[in-house]
Amino acid sequence: MAYSDPDVKIKTLLRVAVIAVGCLIAGVSLLVRSYLYSRPTPLESLQKVTGTVKLETGIRRHEEYPVLVIDRERYKYLDWFPNADTLPTTLRSGETISIWTDAKANRWVWQIERNGEQIVPYATVHDAVAANKAWDPVLGVFVFVLGIVGSVRLAYLTKPFWQSTPHKKKKTAGMKSKKRTKSLES
């Protein structure tokens, strides 16, 4: 679709505008999130919860993950955490365990102990979270660049509406041809 075509469909303009603005907002939010939450939660700031556990299953993006219920509070051990698939066989409902959780933020389980023995050490979950967040800045820049490309495309499509009309050129070519014909006649 050429930029000089004033019959650009409004649906196309709206679609490009929504995609461009959405990508710009998403890119900036990913960059801000990666800056603010780049470091995983330190062990010292986690809350220790001890009690009898009940194992349940949660679903995230069509993937099941273990949910530990202690005193009617649900704590998530997500599917991308280390050994998430073997945790239900390691723990049994009715056992007394201690977990370290970021209860006020994500309600993730960062460490699990049973009878003083670490079932899941903090370091393995910390490394998994750090690796998962490592791609946020790259993804943020990519999505932001897509927003800029969409904005340029929108400017290209709407150019007939905001571009000033070109000035009409004087017709000098016709005068030259008349002079030639007169000189040929003489």
N, C-alpha and C. Protein backbone atom coordinates (compact mmCIF):
# COMPACT_ATOMS: atom_id res chain seq x y z
N MET A 1 0.85 -1.16 0.00
CA MET A 1 0.00 0.00 0.00
C MET A 1 0.90 1.23 0.00
N ALA A 2 0.80 2.04 -0.99
CA ALA A 2 1.66 3.21 -1.13
C ALA A 2 1.22 4.30 -0.18
N TYR A 3 2.20 5.10 0.26
CA TYR A 3 1.85 6.16 1.20
C TYR A 3 1.05 7.26 0.55
N SER A 4 1.09 7.35 -0.76
CA SER A 4 0.34 8.41 -1.43
C SER A 4 -1.12 8.05 -1.63
N ASP A 5 -1.49 6.83 -1.29
CA ASP A 5 -2.87 6.38 -1.44
C ASP A 5 -3.69 6.90 -0.26
N PRO A 6 -4.57 7.89 -0.47
CA PRO A 6 -5.33 8.42 0.66
C PRO A 6 -6.45 7.50 1.11
N ASP A 7 -6.67 6.41 0.42
CA ASP A 7 -7.76 5.50 0.77
C ASP A 7 -7.27 4.38 1.69
N VAL A 8 -6.37 4.68 2.60
CA VAL A 8 -5.89 3.70 3.56
C VAL A 8 -7.07 3.35 4.47
N LYS A 9 -7.29 2.07 4.66
CA LYS A 9 -8.43 1.65 5.45
C LYS A 9 -8.22 2.01 6.92
N ILE A 10 -9.28 2.47 7.53
CA ILE A 10 -9.24 2.85 8.94
C ILE A 10 -8.92 1.63 9.81
N LYS A 11 -9.41 0.46 9.44
CA LYS A 11 -9.12 -0.75 10.21
C LYS A 11 -7.62 -1.02 10.24
N THR A 12 -6.96 -0.82 9.12
CA THR A 12 -5.51 -1.04 9.04
C THR A 12 -4.79 -0.04 9.94
N LEU A 13 -5.21 1.22 9.89
CA LEU A 13 -4.59 2.23 10.73
C LEU A 13 -4.77 1.92 12.20
N LEU A 14 -5.97 1.55 12.59
CA LEU A 14 -6.24 1.23 13.98
C LEU A 14 -5.45 0.01 14.44
N ARG A 15 -5.38 -1.01 13.60
CA ARG A 15 -4.65 -2.23 13.95
C ARG A 15 -3.17 -1.93 14.15
N VAL A 16 -2.58 -1.18 13.23
CA VAL A 16 -1.17 -0.83 13.34
C VAL A 16 -0.94 0.05 14.57
N ALA A 17 -1.85 0.99 14.84
CA ALA A 17 -1.71 1.88 16.00
C ALA A 17 -1.79 1.10 17.31
N VAL A 18 -2.74 0.18 17.40
CA VAL A 18 -2.88 -0.62 18.63
C VAL A 18 -1.66 -1.50 18.84
N ILE A 19 -1.18 -2.14 17.79
CA ILE A 19 0.00 -2.99 17.91
C ILE A 19 1.22 -2.17 18.28
N ALA A 20 1.41 -1.03 17.65
CA ALA A 20 2.57 -0.19 17.94
C ALA A 20 2.55 0.32 19.38
N VAL A 21 1.42 0.85 19.81
CA VAL A 21 1.31 1.36 21.18
C VAL A 21 1.45 0.23 22.20
N GLY A 22 0.82 -0.90 21.90
CA GLY A 22 0.93 -2.06 22.80
C GLY A 22 2.36 -2.55 22.94
N CYS A 23 3.08 -2.62 21.83
CA CYS A 23 4.48 -3.06 21.88
C CYS A 23 5.35 -2.04 22.62
N LEU A 24 5.10 -0.77 22.42
CA LEU A 24 5.88 0.24 23.14
C LEU A 24 5.65 0.14 24.65
N ILE A 25 4.39 0.00 25.04
CA ILE A 25 4.07 -0.11 26.47
C ILE A 25 4.63 -1.40 27.05
N ALA A 26 4.45 -2.51 26.35
CA ALA A 26 4.94 -3.80 26.84
C ALA A 26 6.46 -3.81 26.92
N GLY A 27 7.13 -3.23 25.93
CA GLY A 27 8.59 -3.18 25.95
C GLY A 27 9.12 -2.38 27.12
N VAL A 28 8.52 -1.22 27.35
CA VAL A 28 8.95 -0.38 28.47
C VAL A 28 8.67 -1.09 29.79
N SER A 29 7.49 -1.72 29.92
CA SER A 29 7.17 -2.39 31.17
C SER A 29 8.10 -3.58 31.42
N LEU A 30 8.48 -4.31 30.38
CA LEU A 30 9.44 -5.41 30.56
C LEU A 30 10.81 -4.88 30.98
N LEU A 31 11.23 -3.78 30.40
CA LEU A 31 12.51 -3.19 30.78
C LEU A 31 12.49 -2.68 32.22
N VAL A 32 11.42 -2.03 32.61
CA VAL A 32 11.30 -1.54 33.98
C VAL A 32 11.24 -2.71 34.95
N ARG A 33 10.45 -3.73 34.61
CA ARG A 33 10.33 -4.90 35.48
C ARG A 33 11.67 -5.61 35.62
N SER A 34 12.41 -5.72 34.53
CA SER A 34 13.70 -6.40 34.61
C SER A 34 14.69 -5.59 35.44
N TYR A 35 14.56 -4.27 35.42
CA TYR A 35 15.45 -3.44 36.23
C TYR A 35 15.08 -3.52 37.71
N LEU A 36 13.78 -3.41 38.01
CA LEU A 36 13.34 -3.39 39.40
C LEU A 36 13.43 -4.76 40.07
N TYR A 37 13.13 -5.81 39.32
CA TYR A 37 13.07 -7.15 39.90
C TYR A 37 14.16 -8.05 39.35
N SER A 38 15.32 -7.49 39.06
CA SER A 38 16.38 -8.29 38.45
C SER A 38 17.01 -9.26 39.45
N ARG A 39 17.02 -8.89 40.71
CA ARG A 39 17.62 -9.76 41.71
C ARG A 39 16.54 -10.58 42.40
N PRO A 40 16.73 -11.90 42.47
CA PRO A 40 15.77 -12.72 43.22
C PRO A 40 15.74 -12.34 44.70
N THR A 41 14.68 -12.69 45.34
CA THR A 41 14.49 -12.37 46.75
C THR A 41 15.56 -13.04 47.61
N PRO A 42 16.24 -12.28 48.47
CA PRO A 42 17.25 -12.90 49.34
C PRO A 42 16.59 -13.76 50.42
N LEU A 43 17.31 -14.77 50.87
CA LEU A 43 16.79 -15.72 51.86
C LEU A 43 16.39 -15.02 53.16
N GLU A 44 17.14 -14.00 53.53
CA GLU A 44 16.86 -13.30 54.79
C GLU A 44 15.51 -12.59 54.80
N SER A 45 15.02 -12.22 53.65
CA SER A 45 13.75 -11.48 53.60
C SER A 45 12.54 -12.41 53.39
N LEU A 46 12.79 -13.71 53.28
CA LEU A 46 11.69 -14.67 53.12
C LEU A 46 11.07 -15.01 54.46
N GLN A 47 9.81 -15.38 54.42
CA GLN A 47 9.06 -15.75 55.62
C GLN A 47 9.10 -17.26 55.78
N LYS A 48 9.40 -17.71 56.99
CA LYS A 48 9.42 -19.15 57.28
C LYS A 48 8.03 -19.56 57.76
N VAL A 49 7.49 -20.60 57.12
CA VAL A 49 6.18 -21.13 57.48
C VAL A 49 6.36 -22.61 57.82
N THR A 50 5.91 -23.02 58.99
CA THR A 50 6.02 -24.41 59.41
C THR A 50 4.61 -24.94 59.70
N GLY A 51 4.35 -26.16 59.25
CA GLY A 51 3.06 -26.77 59.51
C GLY A 51 2.88 -28.05 58.74
N THR A 52 1.70 -28.62 58.88
CA THR A 52 1.36 -29.85 58.18
C THR A 52 0.97 -29.49 56.75
N VAL A 53 1.57 -30.19 55.81
CA VAL A 53 1.39 -29.86 54.40
C VAL A 53 0.30 -30.73 53.77
N LYS A 54 -0.41 -30.13 52.85
CA LYS A 54 -1.35 -30.84 51.99
C LYS A 54 -0.93 -30.51 50.57
N LEU A 55 -0.71 -31.53 49.75
CA LEU A 55 -0.27 -31.32 48.37
C LEU A 55 -1.47 -31.20 47.44
N GLU A 56 -1.44 -30.18 46.61
CA GLU A 56 -2.45 -29.98 45.58
C GLU A 56 -1.74 -29.71 44.27
N THR A 57 -2.51 -29.53 43.21
CA THR A 57 -1.93 -29.26 41.90
C THR A 57 -2.51 -27.96 41.35
N GLY A 58 -1.62 -27.13 40.84
CA GLY A 58 -2.04 -25.90 40.17
C GLY A 58 -1.74 -26.03 38.68
N ILE A 59 -2.36 -25.18 37.87
CA ILE A 59 -2.15 -25.21 36.42
C ILE A 59 -1.75 -23.81 35.96
N ARG A 60 -0.65 -23.76 35.22
CA ARG A 60 -0.16 -22.51 34.65
C ARG A 60 0.24 -22.80 33.22
N ARG A 61 -0.42 -22.14 32.26
CA ARG A 61 -0.14 -22.34 30.84
C ARG A 61 -0.17 -23.82 30.46
N HIS A 62 -1.17 -24.49 30.87
CA HIS A 62 -1.40 -25.90 30.56
C HIS A 62 -0.36 -26.82 31.18
N GLU A 63 0.41 -26.34 32.13
CA GLU A 63 1.40 -27.15 32.84
C GLU A 63 0.99 -27.25 34.30
N GLU A 64 1.07 -28.45 34.84
CA GLU A 64 0.75 -28.65 36.25
C GLU A 64 1.98 -28.40 37.11
N TYR A 65 1.76 -27.88 38.29
CA TYR A 65 2.84 -27.67 39.24
C TYR A 65 2.30 -27.94 40.65
N PRO A 66 3.21 -28.31 41.57
CA PRO A 66 2.79 -28.59 42.94
C PRO A 66 2.40 -27.32 43.70
N VAL A 67 1.36 -27.44 44.49
CA VAL A 67 0.93 -26.37 45.39
C VAL A 67 0.96 -26.95 46.79
N LEU A 68 1.66 -26.29 47.69
CA LEU A 68 1.76 -26.73 49.08
C LEU A 68 0.78 -25.91 49.90
N VAL A 69 -0.13 -26.58 50.59
CA VAL A 69 -1.13 -25.90 51.41
C VAL A 69 -0.75 -26.13 52.87
N ILE A 70 -0.46 -25.05 53.58
CA ILE A 70 -0.13 -25.10 55.00
C ILE A 70 -1.04 -24.11 55.71
N ASP A 71 -1.81 -24.59 56.68
CA ASP A 71 -2.75 -23.75 57.42
C ASP A 71 -3.68 -22.98 56.48
N ARG A 72 -4.20 -23.67 55.50
CA ARG A 72 -5.16 -23.13 54.51
C ARG A 72 -4.56 -22.06 53.59
N GLU A 73 -3.28 -21.85 53.63
CA GLU A 73 -2.60 -20.92 52.74
C GLU A 73 -1.91 -21.71 51.65
N ARG A 74 -2.05 -21.24 50.40
CA ARG A 74 -1.49 -21.94 49.24
C ARG A 74 -0.16 -21.29 48.84
N TYR A 75 0.86 -22.12 48.66
CA TYR A 75 2.18 -21.68 48.23
C TYR A 75 2.57 -22.45 46.98
N LYS A 76 3.09 -21.75 45.98
CA LYS A 76 3.36 -22.35 44.66
C LYS A 76 4.81 -22.77 44.53
N TYR A 77 4.98 -23.95 43.97
CA TYR A 77 6.30 -24.43 43.54
C TYR A 77 6.15 -24.65 42.05
N LEU A 78 6.45 -23.62 41.26
CA LEU A 78 6.11 -23.59 39.84
C LEU A 78 6.77 -24.69 39.02
N ASP A 79 6.19 -24.95 37.86
CA ASP A 79 6.64 -26.05 37.00
C ASP A 79 8.06 -25.87 36.48
N TRP A 80 8.57 -24.65 36.42
CA TRP A 80 9.93 -24.42 35.95
C TRP A 80 10.95 -24.39 37.08
N PHE A 81 10.51 -24.57 38.31
CA PHE A 81 11.43 -24.68 39.43
C PHE A 81 12.13 -26.04 39.36
N PRO A 82 13.33 -26.17 39.95
CA PRO A 82 14.05 -27.44 39.89
C PRO A 82 13.28 -28.56 40.60
N ASN A 83 13.25 -29.70 39.96
CA ASN A 83 12.62 -30.92 40.49
C ASN A 83 11.14 -30.75 40.80
N ALA A 84 10.45 -29.91 40.06
CA ALA A 84 9.02 -29.71 40.30
C ALA A 84 8.22 -30.97 40.01
N ASP A 85 8.68 -31.76 39.06
CA ASP A 85 7.95 -32.98 38.72
C ASP A 85 8.15 -34.08 39.77
N THR A 86 9.24 -34.08 40.51
CA THR A 86 9.48 -35.12 41.51
C THR A 86 9.07 -34.71 42.92
N LEU A 87 8.74 -33.44 43.13
CA LEU A 87 8.37 -32.98 44.46
C LEU A 87 7.15 -33.70 45.04
N PRO A 88 6.11 -33.98 44.26
CA PRO A 88 4.96 -34.71 44.83
C PRO A 88 5.31 -36.12 45.31
N THR A 89 6.34 -36.72 44.75
CA THR A 89 6.73 -38.06 45.24
C THR A 89 7.68 -37.94 46.43
N THR A 90 8.37 -36.80 46.57
CA THR A 90 9.28 -36.58 47.69
C THR A 90 8.52 -36.23 48.96
N LEU A 91 7.52 -35.39 48.84
CA LEU A 91 6.70 -34.98 49.98
C LEU A 91 5.39 -35.76 49.97
N ARG A 92 4.85 -35.94 51.17
CA ARG A 92 3.54 -36.59 51.29
C ARG A 92 2.62 -35.69 52.09
N SER A 93 1.36 -35.68 51.74
CA SER A 93 0.39 -34.91 52.51
C SER A 93 0.37 -35.44 53.94
N GLY A 94 0.28 -34.53 54.89
CA GLY A 94 0.25 -34.90 56.30
C GLY A 94 1.59 -34.77 56.99
N GLU A 95 2.68 -34.55 56.25
CA GLU A 95 4.00 -34.37 56.85
C GLU A 95 4.13 -32.95 57.39
N THR A 96 4.96 -32.81 58.41
CA THR A 96 5.26 -31.48 58.93
C THR A 96 6.55 -31.00 58.26
N ILE A 97 6.45 -29.86 57.60
CA ILE A 97 7.60 -29.30 56.89
C ILE A 97 7.72 -27.82 57.21
N SER A 98 8.85 -27.26 56.85
CA SER A 98 9.08 -25.82 56.92
C SER A 98 9.40 -25.34 55.52
N ILE A 99 8.78 -24.24 55.13
CA ILE A 99 9.08 -23.64 53.82
C ILE A 99 9.46 -22.19 54.03
N TRP A 100 10.24 -21.65 53.09
CA TRP A 100 10.57 -20.24 53.06
C TRP A 100 9.87 -19.68 51.83
N THR A 101 9.08 -18.63 52.02
CA THR A 101 8.25 -18.11 50.94
C THR A 101 8.26 -16.59 50.91
N ASP A 102 8.02 -16.06 49.75
CA ASP A 102 7.80 -14.62 49.61
C ASP A 102 6.30 -14.40 49.65
N ALA A 103 5.72 -14.63 50.81
CA ALA A 103 4.27 -14.67 50.99
C ALA A 103 3.56 -13.40 50.55
N LYS A 104 4.22 -12.26 50.63
CA LYS A 104 3.55 -11.01 50.27
C LYS A 104 3.63 -10.71 48.78
N ALA A 105 4.51 -11.38 48.07
CA ALA A 105 4.69 -11.09 46.64
C ALA A 105 4.05 -12.18 45.78
N ASN A 106 4.80 -13.22 45.45
CA ASN A 106 4.34 -14.25 44.52
C ASN A 106 3.78 -15.50 45.19
N ARG A 107 4.08 -15.66 46.48
CA ARG A 107 3.71 -16.88 47.22
C ARG A 107 4.45 -18.09 46.66
N TRP A 108 5.69 -17.88 46.23
CA TRP A 108 6.53 -18.96 45.73
C TRP A 108 7.24 -19.62 46.90
N VAL A 109 7.51 -20.91 46.76
CA VAL A 109 8.28 -21.67 47.74
C VAL A 109 9.74 -21.63 47.30
N TRP A 110 10.62 -21.09 48.16
CA TRP A 110 12.03 -20.93 47.81
C TRP A 110 12.90 -21.99 48.47
N GLN A 111 12.45 -22.56 49.57
CA GLN A 111 13.22 -23.60 50.25
C GLN A 111 12.25 -24.48 51.03
N ILE A 112 12.56 -25.78 51.09
CA ILE A 112 11.72 -26.72 51.83
C ILE A 112 12.63 -27.56 52.72
N GLU A 113 12.23 -27.69 54.00
CA GLU A 113 12.93 -28.55 54.94
C GLU A 113 11.94 -29.50 55.59
N ARG A 114 12.42 -30.71 55.86
CA ARG A 114 11.62 -31.70 56.59
C ARG A 114 12.54 -32.30 57.66
N ASN A 115 12.17 -32.16 58.90
CA ASN A 115 12.95 -32.68 60.04
C ASN A 115 14.39 -32.17 60.01
N GLY A 116 14.59 -30.91 59.67
CA GLY A 116 15.92 -30.31 59.64
C GLY A 116 16.72 -30.64 58.39
N GLU A 117 16.20 -31.47 57.50
CA GLU A 117 16.90 -31.84 56.26
C GLU A 117 16.31 -31.03 55.10
N GLN A 118 17.19 -30.44 54.30
CA GLN A 118 16.72 -29.65 53.17
C GLN A 118 16.26 -30.57 52.04
N ILE A 119 15.01 -30.44 51.67
CA ILE A 119 14.46 -31.17 50.54
C ILE A 119 14.76 -30.39 49.26
N VAL A 120 14.51 -29.10 49.31
CA VAL A 120 14.82 -28.20 48.21
C VAL A 120 15.63 -27.05 48.78
N PRO A 121 16.90 -26.93 48.39
CA PRO A 121 17.72 -25.82 48.91
C PRO A 121 17.39 -24.50 48.20
N TYR A 122 17.56 -23.43 48.94
CA TYR A 122 17.29 -22.09 48.42
C TYR A 122 18.11 -21.79 47.17
N ALA A 123 19.36 -22.22 47.16
CA ALA A 123 20.27 -21.89 46.05
C ALA A 123 19.76 -22.40 44.70
N THR A 124 19.14 -23.58 44.66
CA THR A 124 18.68 -24.12 43.37
C THR A 124 17.49 -23.32 42.84
N VAL A 125 16.57 -22.94 43.72
CA VAL A 125 15.43 -22.13 43.29
C VAL A 125 15.92 -20.73 42.91
N HIS A 126 16.84 -20.17 43.68
CA HIS A 126 17.42 -18.86 43.37
C HIS A 126 18.03 -18.85 41.98
N ASP A 127 18.82 -19.88 41.65
CA ASP A 127 19.46 -19.96 40.33
C ASP A 127 18.43 -20.09 39.21
N ALA A 128 17.36 -20.85 39.45
CA ALA A 128 16.31 -21.01 38.44
C ALA A 128 15.58 -19.70 38.19
N VAL A 129 15.29 -18.96 39.24
CA VAL A 129 14.60 -17.68 39.10
C VAL A 129 15.50 -16.67 38.39
N ALA A 130 16.78 -16.64 38.75
CA ALA A 130 17.72 -15.73 38.09
C ALA A 130 17.84 -16.05 36.60
N ALA A 131 17.90 -17.34 36.26
CA ALA A 131 18.00 -17.73 34.85
C ALA A 131 16.73 -17.39 34.10
N ASN A 132 15.58 -17.52 34.75
CA ASN A 132 14.30 -17.22 34.11
C ASN A 132 14.16 -15.72 33.84
N LYS A 133 14.68 -14.89 34.73
CA LYS A 133 14.57 -13.43 34.57
C LYS A 133 15.66 -12.87 33.67
N ALA A 134 16.64 -13.66 33.30
CA ALA A 134 17.77 -13.16 32.51
C ALA A 134 17.34 -12.68 31.13
N TRP A 135 16.28 -13.23 30.58
CA TRP A 135 15.85 -12.88 29.23
C TRP A 135 14.87 -11.70 29.20
N ASP A 136 14.43 -11.22 30.34
CA ASP A 136 13.49 -10.10 30.37
C ASP A 136 14.02 -8.83 29.69
N PRO A 137 15.27 -8.41 29.92
CA PRO A 137 15.75 -7.20 29.23
C PRO A 137 15.85 -7.39 27.72
N VAL A 138 16.27 -8.56 27.28
CA VAL A 138 16.39 -8.83 25.84
C VAL A 138 15.00 -8.80 25.20
N LEU A 139 14.06 -9.45 25.85
CA LEU A 139 12.69 -9.46 25.34
C LEU A 139 12.10 -8.05 25.36
N GLY A 140 12.38 -7.27 26.40
CA GLY A 140 11.89 -5.90 26.48
C GLY A 140 12.40 -5.04 25.35
N VAL A 141 13.69 -5.14 25.04
CA VAL A 141 14.26 -4.36 23.94
C VAL A 141 13.64 -4.80 22.61
N PHE A 142 13.49 -6.10 22.41
CA PHE A 142 12.91 -6.62 21.17
C PHE A 142 11.49 -6.11 20.97
N VAL A 143 10.67 -6.19 22.00
CA VAL A 143 9.27 -5.75 21.90
C VAL A 143 9.21 -4.23 21.70
N PHE A 144 10.11 -3.48 22.35
CA PHE A 144 10.14 -2.03 22.17
C PHE A 144 10.52 -1.67 20.74
N VAL A 145 11.49 -2.38 20.16
CA VAL A 145 11.88 -2.13 18.76
C VAL A 145 10.71 -2.46 17.83
N LEU A 146 9.96 -3.52 18.13
CA LEU A 146 8.76 -3.82 17.33
C LEU A 146 7.76 -2.66 17.41
N GLY A 147 7.64 -2.05 18.57
CA GLY A 147 6.76 -0.89 18.71
C GLY A 147 7.23 0.29 17.88
N ILE A 148 8.54 0.50 17.83
CA ILE A 148 9.07 1.59 17.00
C ILE A 148 8.82 1.30 15.53
N VAL A 149 9.04 0.05 15.12
CA VAL A 149 8.77 -0.32 13.72
C VAL A 149 7.30 -0.11 13.39
N GLY A 150 6.43 -0.49 14.31
CA GLY A 150 5.00 -0.27 14.10
C GLY A 150 4.65 1.20 14.02
N SER A 151 5.32 2.03 14.82
CA SER A 151 5.08 3.48 14.78
C SER A 151 5.54 4.07 13.46
N VAL A 152 6.69 3.61 12.96
CA VAL A 152 7.17 4.08 11.66
C VAL A 152 6.21 3.67 10.56
N ARG A 153 5.71 2.45 10.66
CA ARG A 153 4.73 1.96 9.67
C ARG A 153 3.45 2.80 9.73
N LEU A 154 3.03 3.15 10.92
CA LEU A 154 1.84 3.99 11.08
C LEU A 154 2.08 5.37 10.48
N ALA A 155 3.24 5.93 10.70
CA ALA A 155 3.57 7.23 10.11
C ALA A 155 3.60 7.14 8.59
N TYR A 156 4.08 6.04 8.06
CA TYR A 156 4.13 5.82 6.61
C TYR A 156 2.72 5.71 6.04
N LEU A 157 1.84 4.99 6.74
CA LEU A 157 0.47 4.82 6.26
C LEU A 157 -0.35 6.10 6.34
N THR A 158 -0.07 6.93 7.33
CA THR A 158 -0.87 8.14 7.51
C THR A 158 -0.23 9.37 6.89
N LYS A 159 0.83 9.21 6.15
CA LYS A 159 1.54 10.35 5.56
C LYS A 159 0.64 11.25 4.71
N PRO A 160 -0.33 10.74 3.94
CA PRO A 160 -1.18 11.64 3.16
C PRO A 160 -2.00 12.58 4.03
N PHE A 161 -2.25 12.20 5.28
CA PHE A 161 -3.10 13.01 6.14
C PHE A 161 -2.33 14.12 6.84
N TRP A 162 -1.06 13.95 7.09
CA TRP A 162 -0.30 14.97 7.81
C TRP A 162 0.77 15.65 6.96
N GLN A 163 1.01 15.15 5.76
CA GLN A 163 2.01 15.76 4.88
C GLN A 163 1.37 16.95 4.17
N SER A 164 2.14 18.04 4.05
CA SER A 164 1.59 19.20 3.35
C SER A 164 1.48 18.86 1.86
N THR A 165 0.53 19.49 1.20
CA THR A 165 0.34 19.21 -0.23
C THR A 165 1.50 19.80 -1.02
N PRO A 166 2.00 19.09 -2.02
CA PRO A 166 3.13 19.60 -2.79
C PRO A 166 2.70 20.78 -3.67
N HIS A 167 3.64 21.68 -3.89
CA HIS A 167 3.37 22.85 -4.75
C HIS A 167 3.37 22.39 -6.20
N LYS A 168 2.50 23.05 -7.00
CA LYS A 168 2.44 22.71 -8.42
C LYS A 168 3.65 23.30 -9.13
N LYS A 169 4.24 22.52 -9.99
CA LYS A 169 5.42 22.97 -10.73
C LYS A 169 4.97 23.75 -11.96
N LYS A 170 5.76 24.72 -12.31
CA LYS A 170 5.45 25.49 -13.51
C LYS A 170 5.76 24.65 -14.73
N LYS A 171 4.95 24.80 -15.73
CA LYS A 171 5.15 24.04 -16.96
C LYS A 171 6.09 24.80 -17.88
N THR A 172 7.34 24.47 -17.82
CA THR A 172 8.32 25.11 -18.68
C THR A 172 8.65 24.24 -19.88
N ALA A 173 8.33 23.00 -19.81
CA ALA A 173 8.65 22.10 -20.92
C ALA A 173 7.85 22.45 -22.16
N GLY A 174 6.61 22.88 -22.00
CA GLY A 174 5.78 23.22 -23.13
C GLY A 174 6.30 24.45 -23.87
N MET A 175 6.88 25.40 -23.17
CA MET A 175 7.40 26.61 -23.79
C MET A 175 8.60 26.31 -24.67
N LYS A 176 9.42 25.42 -24.22
CA LYS A 176 10.59 25.07 -25.02
C LYS A 176 10.17 24.42 -26.33
N SER A 177 9.15 23.62 -26.28
CA SER A 177 8.73 22.96 -27.51
C SER A 177 8.12 23.97 -28.49
N LYS A 178 7.45 25.01 -28.00
CA LYS A 178 6.89 26.02 -28.89
C LYS A 178 8.00 26.82 -29.55
N LYS A 179 9.06 27.12 -28.83
CA LYS A 179 10.18 27.85 -29.40
C LYS A 179 10.84 27.05 -30.48
N ARG A 180 10.95 25.79 -30.28
CA ARG A 180 11.58 24.95 -31.29
C ARG A 180 10.75 24.92 -32.58
N THR A 181 9.47 24.84 -32.40
CA THR A 181 8.63 24.79 -33.60
C THR A 181 8.68 26.10 -34.34
N LYS A 182 8.77 27.21 -33.65
CA LYS A 182 8.88 28.50 -34.32
C LYS A 182 10.21 28.64 -35.04
N SER A 183 11.24 28.17 -34.41
CA SER A 183 12.55 28.27 -35.04
C SER A 183 12.66 27.35 -36.23
N LEU A 184 11.95 26.27 -36.24
CA LEU A 184 11.96 25.36 -37.37
C LEU A 184 11.21 25.96 -38.56
N GLU A 185 10.18 26.71 -38.27
CA GLU A 185 9.37 27.31 -39.31
C GLU A 185 10.13 28.46 -40.02
N SER A 186 10.97 29.14 -39.32
CA SER A 186 11.63 30.30 -39.91
C SER A 186 12.75 29.95 -40.82
